[in-house]
Amino acid sequence: MDIRIADFDDADVCELIVLHQRRAYDASPPGTSFALDLAGLQRPEITLFELREGSRLLGIGALMTLPDRTGEVKSMRTADGALRRGIGAAILVHIEAEARRRGYTKIVLETGNSEAYAPANALYRRHGFTRRGPFGDYAATGFNIFYEKVLE
């Protein structure tokens, strides 16, 4: 398996981003999903990574630069045919390593609390993320969960 910066010219990358956004909106109450679309992920402060096995795309995950040497995990998604193979964990470990390489002091993220998000929540807790309050422009709702992992 190979993790590298994703190419937005690859149709499979774009399809997985669209799927991620659609499923996030479908699994979230109105106004509580912050999944980025293609244009949102192509901003200069965001790096999108892809994990491939040969030419087959298995997952994506992004790292967004925030103020104060903080990174935000965005748009984690494993392809349907690759679930329960450790793809999300591998991407998360890569994102954390990149955040450390960049000198970030912590990484944060926002996710949901419904059953659809249970695997993601379990993944983040297994990798040392702890609950925290909202950050940036996020507002607390009964649906959103916020996590952080201190890197220093």
N, C-alpha and C. Protein backbone atom coordinates (compact mmCIF):
# COMPACT_ATOMS: atom_id res chain seq x y z
N MET A 1 0.84 -1.19 0.00
CA MET A 1 0.00 0.00 0.00
C MET A 1 0.88 1.25 0.00
N ASP A 2 0.39 2.27 -0.65
CA ASP A 2 1.15 3.49 -0.83
C ASP A 2 0.27 4.69 -0.47
N ILE A 3 0.78 5.57 0.38
CA ILE A 3 0.07 6.81 0.72
C ILE A 3 0.84 7.97 0.13
N ARG A 4 0.12 8.83 -0.57
CA ARG A 4 0.74 10.00 -1.20
C ARG A 4 -0.30 11.11 -1.33
N ILE A 5 0.16 12.27 -1.77
CA ILE A 5 -0.76 13.38 -2.00
C ILE A 5 -1.68 13.00 -3.16
N ALA A 6 -2.97 13.21 -2.96
CA ALA A 6 -3.97 12.84 -3.96
C ALA A 6 -3.94 13.81 -5.15
N ASP A 7 -4.34 13.30 -6.29
CA ASP A 7 -4.44 14.09 -7.51
C ASP A 7 -5.92 14.29 -7.83
N PHE A 8 -6.37 15.54 -7.81
CA PHE A 8 -7.77 15.83 -8.07
C PHE A 8 -8.17 15.58 -9.52
N ASP A 9 -7.21 15.30 -10.38
CA ASP A 9 -7.52 14.93 -11.76
C ASP A 9 -7.91 13.46 -11.88
N ASP A 10 -7.71 12.68 -10.82
CA ASP A 10 -8.07 11.27 -10.83
C ASP A 10 -9.56 11.11 -10.53
N ALA A 11 -10.28 10.50 -11.44
CA ALA A 11 -11.73 10.35 -11.30
C ALA A 11 -12.10 9.60 -10.03
N ASP A 12 -11.32 8.58 -9.66
CA ASP A 12 -11.69 7.80 -8.47
C ASP A 12 -11.55 8.62 -7.19
N VAL A 13 -10.59 9.53 -7.15
CA VAL A 13 -10.44 10.43 -6.00
C VAL A 13 -11.67 11.32 -5.90
N CYS A 14 -12.06 11.92 -7.00
CA CYS A 14 -13.23 12.80 -7.00
C CYS A 14 -14.50 12.04 -6.63
N GLU A 15 -14.65 10.82 -7.13
CA GLU A 15 -15.82 10.01 -6.80
C GLU A 15 -15.88 9.68 -5.31
N LEU A 16 -14.73 9.38 -4.70
CA LEU A 16 -14.72 9.06 -3.27
C LEU A 16 -15.02 10.30 -2.43
N ILE A 17 -14.56 11.46 -2.85
CA ILE A 17 -14.88 12.70 -2.15
C ILE A 17 -16.38 12.97 -2.21
N VAL A 18 -16.97 12.82 -3.39
CA VAL A 18 -18.41 13.04 -3.56
C VAL A 18 -19.20 12.05 -2.70
N LEU A 19 -18.78 10.78 -2.70
CA LEU A 19 -19.44 9.77 -1.86
C LEU A 19 -19.33 10.14 -0.39
N HIS A 20 -18.14 10.56 0.03
CA HIS A 20 -17.94 10.95 1.43
C HIS A 20 -18.89 12.07 1.83
N GLN A 21 -18.95 13.10 1.01
CA GLN A 21 -19.81 14.22 1.34
C GLN A 21 -21.28 13.81 1.37
N ARG A 22 -21.71 13.02 0.40
CA ARG A 22 -23.11 12.58 0.35
C ARG A 22 -23.47 11.75 1.58
N ARG A 23 -22.60 10.82 1.95
CA ARG A 23 -22.89 9.97 3.10
C ARG A 23 -22.85 10.76 4.41
N ALA A 24 -21.94 11.71 4.50
CA ALA A 24 -21.88 12.54 5.70
C ALA A 24 -23.17 13.35 5.86
N TYR A 25 -23.66 13.92 4.77
CA TYR A 25 -24.90 14.69 4.84
C TYR A 25 -26.09 13.78 5.13
N ASP A 26 -26.10 12.60 4.54
CA ASP A 26 -27.21 11.66 4.77
C ASP A 26 -27.25 11.17 6.22
N ALA A 27 -26.09 11.07 6.88
CA ALA A 27 -26.01 10.53 8.24
C ALA A 27 -26.07 11.60 9.31
N SER A 28 -26.29 12.85 8.92
CA SER A 28 -26.23 13.97 9.86
C SER A 28 -27.50 14.81 9.81
N PRO A 29 -27.94 15.31 10.95
CA PRO A 29 -29.07 16.24 10.93
C PRO A 29 -28.72 17.50 10.12
N PRO A 30 -29.71 18.17 9.58
CA PRO A 30 -29.43 19.38 8.80
C PRO A 30 -28.57 20.39 9.58
N GLY A 31 -27.59 20.93 8.90
CA GLY A 31 -26.73 21.95 9.49
C GLY A 31 -25.61 21.43 10.37
N THR A 32 -25.43 20.10 10.45
CA THR A 32 -24.40 19.57 11.34
C THR A 32 -23.29 18.83 10.61
N SER A 33 -23.35 18.75 9.28
CA SER A 33 -22.28 18.09 8.52
C SER A 33 -21.39 19.16 7.89
N PHE A 34 -20.09 18.98 8.09
CA PHE A 34 -19.13 19.94 7.57
C PHE A 34 -18.17 19.29 6.58
N ALA A 35 -18.63 18.20 5.94
CA ALA A 35 -17.80 17.52 4.95
C ALA A 35 -17.55 18.47 3.78
N LEU A 36 -16.29 18.59 3.40
CA LEU A 36 -15.93 19.50 2.32
C LEU A 36 -16.17 18.86 0.95
N ASP A 37 -16.57 19.69 0.00
CA ASP A 37 -16.73 19.22 -1.36
C ASP A 37 -15.38 19.31 -2.09
N LEU A 38 -15.39 19.01 -3.38
CA LEU A 38 -14.15 19.03 -4.16
C LEU A 38 -13.44 20.38 -4.08
N ALA A 39 -14.18 21.46 -4.28
CA ALA A 39 -13.56 22.79 -4.23
C ALA A 39 -13.02 23.09 -2.84
N GLY A 40 -13.75 22.70 -1.82
CA GLY A 40 -13.32 22.96 -0.45
C GLY A 40 -12.03 22.25 -0.11
N LEU A 41 -11.82 21.07 -0.65
CA LEU A 41 -10.60 20.32 -0.38
C LEU A 41 -9.40 20.80 -1.20
N GLN A 42 -9.65 21.64 -2.18
CA GLN A 42 -8.56 22.12 -3.03
C GLN A 42 -8.02 23.48 -2.59
N ARG A 43 -8.37 23.89 -1.40
CA ARG A 43 -7.82 25.15 -0.86
C ARG A 43 -6.36 24.96 -0.50
N PRO A 44 -5.56 26.02 -0.55
CA PRO A 44 -4.12 25.88 -0.30
C PRO A 44 -3.74 25.39 1.09
N GLU A 45 -4.59 25.60 2.08
CA GLU A 45 -4.26 25.18 3.44
C GLU A 45 -4.61 23.71 3.71
N ILE A 46 -5.08 23.00 2.69
CA ILE A 46 -5.48 21.60 2.84
C ILE A 46 -4.62 20.71 1.94
N THR A 47 -4.15 19.61 2.53
CA THR A 47 -3.45 18.58 1.77
C THR A 47 -4.29 17.31 1.84
N LEU A 48 -4.69 16.80 0.68
CA LEU A 48 -5.47 15.56 0.63
C LEU A 48 -4.53 14.41 0.30
N PHE A 49 -4.60 13.37 1.11
CA PHE A 49 -3.79 12.17 0.90
C PHE A 49 -4.67 11.05 0.39
N GLU A 50 -4.08 10.15 -0.37
CA GLU A 50 -4.77 8.97 -0.84
C GLU A 50 -3.95 7.74 -0.48
N LEU A 51 -4.65 6.64 -0.24
CA LEU A 51 -3.99 5.36 -0.02
C LEU A 51 -4.41 4.44 -1.15
N ARG A 52 -3.42 3.90 -1.83
CA ARG A 52 -3.68 2.98 -2.94
C ARG A 52 -2.96 1.67 -2.73
N GLU A 53 -3.57 0.65 -3.28
CA GLU A 53 -2.94 -0.66 -3.39
C GLU A 53 -2.84 -0.91 -4.89
N GLY A 54 -1.63 -0.76 -5.42
CA GLY A 54 -1.48 -0.74 -6.86
C GLY A 54 -2.18 0.50 -7.39
N SER A 55 -3.07 0.32 -8.34
CA SER A 55 -3.80 1.47 -8.88
C SER A 55 -5.15 1.66 -8.20
N ARG A 56 -5.52 0.77 -7.29
CA ARG A 56 -6.84 0.82 -6.65
C ARG A 56 -6.85 1.77 -5.46
N LEU A 57 -7.73 2.77 -5.51
CA LEU A 57 -7.89 3.73 -4.43
C LEU A 57 -8.65 3.07 -3.29
N LEU A 58 -8.05 3.06 -2.09
CA LEU A 58 -8.69 2.44 -0.94
C LEU A 58 -9.18 3.45 0.09
N GLY A 59 -8.63 4.67 0.09
CA GLY A 59 -9.08 5.64 1.07
C GLY A 59 -8.44 6.99 0.87
N ILE A 60 -9.03 7.98 1.54
CA ILE A 60 -8.53 9.36 1.51
C ILE A 60 -8.61 9.95 2.91
N GLY A 61 -7.85 11.00 3.13
CA GLY A 61 -7.89 11.78 4.36
C GLY A 61 -7.12 13.06 4.14
N ALA A 62 -7.56 14.13 4.76
CA ALA A 62 -6.93 15.42 4.54
C ALA A 62 -6.42 16.02 5.85
N LEU A 63 -5.42 16.87 5.70
CA LEU A 63 -4.86 17.64 6.81
C LEU A 63 -4.98 19.11 6.45
N MET A 64 -5.65 19.86 7.31
CA MET A 64 -5.84 21.30 7.09
C MET A 64 -5.02 22.07 8.11
N THR A 65 -4.31 23.07 7.65
CA THR A 65 -3.51 23.92 8.52
C THR A 65 -4.41 24.96 9.19
N LEU A 66 -4.35 25.00 10.51
CA LEU A 66 -5.07 25.99 11.31
C LEU A 66 -4.04 26.89 12.00
N PRO A 67 -4.49 27.99 12.60
CA PRO A 67 -3.54 28.85 13.33
C PRO A 67 -2.91 28.12 14.52
N ASP A 68 -1.88 28.72 15.04
CA ASP A 68 -1.23 28.25 16.27
C ASP A 68 -0.68 26.84 16.18
N ARG A 69 -0.07 26.53 15.03
CA ARG A 69 0.59 25.22 14.83
C ARG A 69 -0.33 24.05 15.12
N THR A 70 -1.57 24.17 14.62
CA THR A 70 -2.58 23.13 14.78
C THR A 70 -2.99 22.63 13.41
N GLY A 71 -3.26 21.33 13.30
CA GLY A 71 -3.80 20.74 12.08
C GLY A 71 -5.16 20.15 12.36
N GLU A 72 -6.02 20.15 11.34
CA GLU A 72 -7.34 19.55 11.47
C GLU A 72 -7.45 18.39 10.49
N VAL A 73 -7.89 17.25 10.99
CA VAL A 73 -8.16 16.09 10.14
C VAL A 73 -9.49 16.33 9.45
N LYS A 74 -9.53 16.18 8.13
CA LYS A 74 -10.74 16.39 7.34
C LYS A 74 -10.96 15.21 6.40
N SER A 75 -12.20 14.94 6.09
CA SER A 75 -12.59 14.06 4.98
C SER A 75 -11.96 12.68 4.98
N MET A 76 -11.95 12.03 6.13
CA MET A 76 -11.48 10.65 6.20
C MET A 76 -12.57 9.75 5.59
N ARG A 77 -12.19 8.93 4.61
CA ARG A 77 -13.15 8.01 3.99
C ARG A 77 -12.41 6.80 3.45
N THR A 78 -12.91 5.63 3.78
CA THR A 78 -12.41 4.38 3.22
C THR A 78 -13.38 3.93 2.14
N ALA A 79 -12.86 3.47 1.02
CA ALA A 79 -13.71 2.95 -0.06
C ALA A 79 -14.50 1.75 0.47
N ASP A 80 -15.72 1.58 -0.03
CA ASP A 80 -16.60 0.53 0.46
C ASP A 80 -15.95 -0.86 0.42
N GLY A 81 -15.24 -1.18 -0.63
CA GLY A 81 -14.64 -2.50 -0.77
C GLY A 81 -13.40 -2.71 0.08
N ALA A 82 -13.00 -1.70 0.84
CA ALA A 82 -11.77 -1.81 1.64
C ALA A 82 -12.02 -1.64 3.14
N LEU A 83 -13.25 -1.67 3.56
CA LEU A 83 -13.58 -1.48 4.97
C LEU A 83 -13.00 -2.61 5.82
N ARG A 84 -12.66 -2.26 7.06
CA ARG A 84 -12.13 -3.19 8.06
C ARG A 84 -10.80 -3.83 7.67
N ARG A 85 -10.01 -3.06 6.93
CA ARG A 85 -8.67 -3.53 6.55
C ARG A 85 -7.58 -2.63 7.13
N GLY A 86 -7.94 -1.68 7.98
CA GLY A 86 -6.96 -0.79 8.57
C GLY A 86 -6.60 0.40 7.71
N ILE A 87 -7.40 0.67 6.69
CA ILE A 87 -7.11 1.78 5.77
C ILE A 87 -7.22 3.12 6.50
N GLY A 88 -8.30 3.31 7.25
CA GLY A 88 -8.47 4.56 7.99
C GLY A 88 -7.35 4.76 8.99
N ALA A 89 -6.96 3.71 9.68
CA ALA A 89 -5.87 3.82 10.65
C ALA A 89 -4.57 4.20 9.96
N ALA A 90 -4.29 3.60 8.82
CA ALA A 90 -3.05 3.91 8.10
C ALA A 90 -3.03 5.37 7.65
N ILE A 91 -4.15 5.86 7.16
CA ILE A 91 -4.21 7.26 6.73
C ILE A 91 -4.08 8.19 7.93
N LEU A 92 -4.75 7.86 9.04
CA LEU A 92 -4.66 8.69 10.24
C LEU A 92 -3.23 8.75 10.77
N VAL A 93 -2.54 7.62 10.80
CA VAL A 93 -1.14 7.60 11.23
C VAL A 93 -0.29 8.46 10.30
N HIS A 94 -0.56 8.40 9.01
CA HIS A 94 0.19 9.22 8.04
C HIS A 94 -0.08 10.71 8.28
N ILE A 95 -1.33 11.06 8.50
CA ILE A 95 -1.68 12.47 8.76
C ILE A 95 -0.99 12.96 10.03
N GLU A 96 -0.99 12.13 11.07
CA GLU A 96 -0.31 12.53 12.30
C GLU A 96 1.19 12.71 12.07
N ALA A 97 1.80 11.81 11.32
CA ALA A 97 3.24 11.94 11.02
C ALA A 97 3.52 13.21 10.24
N GLU A 98 2.65 13.53 9.30
CA GLU A 98 2.83 14.77 8.53
C GLU A 98 2.66 15.99 9.43
N ALA A 99 1.69 15.95 10.33
CA ALA A 99 1.50 17.06 11.26
C ALA A 99 2.74 17.25 12.13
N ARG A 100 3.32 16.17 12.60
CA ARG A 100 4.56 16.25 13.39
C ARG A 100 5.70 16.81 12.54
N ARG A 101 5.80 16.34 11.30
CA ARG A 101 6.86 16.83 10.40
C ARG A 101 6.73 18.34 10.19
N ARG A 102 5.51 18.83 10.12
CA ARG A 102 5.27 20.26 9.93
C ARG A 102 5.46 21.07 11.21
N GLY A 103 5.65 20.39 12.33
CA GLY A 103 5.85 21.09 13.59
C GLY A 103 4.58 21.48 14.31
N TYR A 104 3.46 20.86 13.96
CA TYR A 104 2.21 21.15 14.65
C TYR A 104 2.28 20.64 16.08
N THR A 105 1.62 21.33 16.99
CA THR A 105 1.59 20.91 18.39
C THR A 105 0.39 20.04 18.72
N LYS A 106 -0.65 20.10 17.88
CA LYS A 106 -1.81 19.25 18.09
C LYS A 106 -2.58 19.12 16.78
N ILE A 107 -3.41 18.07 16.75
CA ILE A 107 -4.35 17.91 15.66
C ILE A 107 -5.74 17.77 16.26
N VAL A 108 -6.72 18.32 15.57
CA VAL A 108 -8.09 18.35 16.04
C VAL A 108 -9.00 17.82 14.93
N LEU A 109 -10.21 17.49 15.31
CA LEU A 109 -11.19 17.09 14.30
C LEU A 109 -12.59 17.19 14.85
N GLU A 110 -13.55 17.21 13.94
CA GLU A 110 -14.97 17.22 14.26
C GLU A 110 -15.60 16.05 13.53
N THR A 111 -16.50 15.37 14.21
CA THR A 111 -17.23 14.26 13.60
C THR A 111 -18.62 14.19 14.22
N GLY A 112 -19.38 13.18 13.84
CA GLY A 112 -20.74 13.03 14.36
C GLY A 112 -20.82 11.96 15.43
N ASN A 113 -22.00 11.85 16.05
CA ASN A 113 -22.16 10.88 17.13
C ASN A 113 -23.21 9.81 16.84
N SER A 114 -23.70 9.73 15.61
CA SER A 114 -24.69 8.70 15.29
C SER A 114 -24.00 7.36 15.05
N GLU A 115 -24.79 6.33 14.91
CA GLU A 115 -24.26 4.98 14.67
C GLU A 115 -23.38 4.94 13.42
N ALA A 116 -23.71 5.73 12.43
CA ALA A 116 -22.90 5.77 11.20
C ALA A 116 -21.47 6.23 11.48
N TYR A 117 -21.28 6.99 12.52
CA TYR A 117 -19.95 7.52 12.87
C TYR A 117 -19.24 6.70 13.94
N ALA A 118 -19.87 5.63 14.43
CA ALA A 118 -19.26 4.83 15.50
C ALA A 118 -17.88 4.29 15.12
N PRO A 119 -17.68 3.75 13.91
CA PRO A 119 -16.33 3.27 13.57
C PRO A 119 -15.28 4.39 13.58
N ALA A 120 -15.66 5.56 13.11
CA ALA A 120 -14.72 6.70 13.11
C ALA A 120 -14.37 7.10 14.54
N ASN A 121 -15.38 7.19 15.39
CA ASN A 121 -15.12 7.56 16.78
C ASN A 121 -14.21 6.55 17.47
N ALA A 122 -14.46 5.28 17.22
CA ALA A 122 -13.60 4.24 17.81
C ALA A 122 -12.17 4.37 17.30
N LEU A 123 -12.01 4.65 16.02
CA LEU A 123 -10.67 4.83 15.43
C LEU A 123 -9.94 5.98 16.11
N TYR A 124 -10.60 7.11 16.25
CA TYR A 124 -9.94 8.27 16.85
C TYR A 124 -9.55 8.00 18.30
N ARG A 125 -10.43 7.38 19.06
CA ARG A 125 -10.10 7.07 20.45
C ARG A 125 -8.93 6.08 20.54
N ARG A 126 -8.93 5.06 19.67
CA ARG A 126 -7.81 4.09 19.67
C ARG A 126 -6.47 4.76 19.38
N HIS A 127 -6.52 5.85 18.64
CA HIS A 127 -5.28 6.53 18.27
C HIS A 127 -4.96 7.72 19.17
N GLY A 128 -5.54 7.73 20.35
CA GLY A 128 -5.15 8.69 21.37
C GLY A 128 -5.83 10.04 21.31
N PHE A 129 -6.89 10.18 20.53
CA PHE A 129 -7.63 11.43 20.51
C PHE A 129 -8.55 11.48 21.72
N THR A 130 -8.68 12.66 22.30
CA THR A 130 -9.56 12.85 23.45
C THR A 130 -10.59 13.92 23.13
N ARG A 131 -11.73 13.82 23.79
CA ARG A 131 -12.82 14.78 23.55
C ARG A 131 -12.41 16.16 24.01
N ARG A 132 -12.95 17.15 23.33
CA ARG A 132 -12.73 18.55 23.66
C ARG A 132 -13.95 19.33 23.19
N GLY A 133 -13.94 20.62 23.42
CA GLY A 133 -15.03 21.47 22.96
C GLY A 133 -14.81 21.90 21.52
N PRO A 134 -15.77 22.66 20.98
CA PRO A 134 -15.65 23.13 19.61
C PRO A 134 -14.42 24.01 19.41
N PHE A 135 -13.95 24.06 18.20
CA PHE A 135 -12.81 24.91 17.84
C PHE A 135 -13.14 25.63 16.54
N GLY A 136 -12.36 26.66 16.23
CA GLY A 136 -12.57 27.40 15.00
C GLY A 136 -13.97 27.95 14.91
N ASP A 137 -14.60 27.75 13.74
CA ASP A 137 -15.95 28.26 13.50
C ASP A 137 -17.05 27.25 13.83
N TYR A 138 -16.67 26.09 14.36
CA TYR A 138 -17.66 25.08 14.71
C TYR A 138 -18.46 25.52 15.93
N ALA A 139 -19.72 25.12 15.95
CA ALA A 139 -20.57 25.35 17.12
C ALA A 139 -20.97 23.99 17.68
N ALA A 140 -21.08 23.92 18.98
CA ALA A 140 -21.52 22.68 19.63
C ALA A 140 -22.99 22.43 19.31
N THR A 141 -23.29 21.19 18.97
CA THR A 141 -24.67 20.75 18.78
C THR A 141 -24.82 19.43 19.53
N GLY A 142 -26.00 18.90 19.56
CA GLY A 142 -26.20 17.59 20.15
C GLY A 142 -25.65 16.47 19.29
N PHE A 143 -25.21 16.79 18.10
CA PHE A 143 -24.73 15.77 17.15
C PHE A 143 -23.22 15.74 17.01
N ASN A 144 -22.58 16.87 17.07
CA ASN A 144 -21.15 16.94 16.79
C ASN A 144 -20.30 16.55 17.99
N ILE A 145 -19.18 15.89 17.67
CA ILE A 145 -18.17 15.53 18.66
C ILE A 145 -16.86 16.14 18.19
N PHE A 146 -16.10 16.67 19.12
CA PHE A 146 -14.80 17.29 18.81
C PHE A 146 -13.71 16.54 19.55
N TYR A 147 -12.60 16.33 18.87
CA TYR A 147 -11.46 15.62 19.43
C TYR A 147 -10.18 16.41 19.20
N GLU A 148 -9.17 16.08 20.02
CA GLU A 148 -7.82 16.61 19.79
C GLU A 148 -6.81 15.57 20.23
N LYS A 149 -5.62 15.72 19.66
CA LYS A 149 -4.48 14.92 20.08
C LYS A 149 -3.28 15.86 20.16
N VAL A 150 -2.73 15.97 21.35
CA VAL A 150 -1.55 16.80 21.56
C VAL A 150 -0.33 16.04 21.03
N LEU A 151 0.50 16.72 20.27
CA LEU A 151 1.63 16.07 19.63
C LEU A 151 2.97 16.33 20.31
N GLU A 152 3.03 17.29 21.21
CA GLU A 152 4.30 17.59 21.88
C GLU A 152 4.52 16.67 23.07
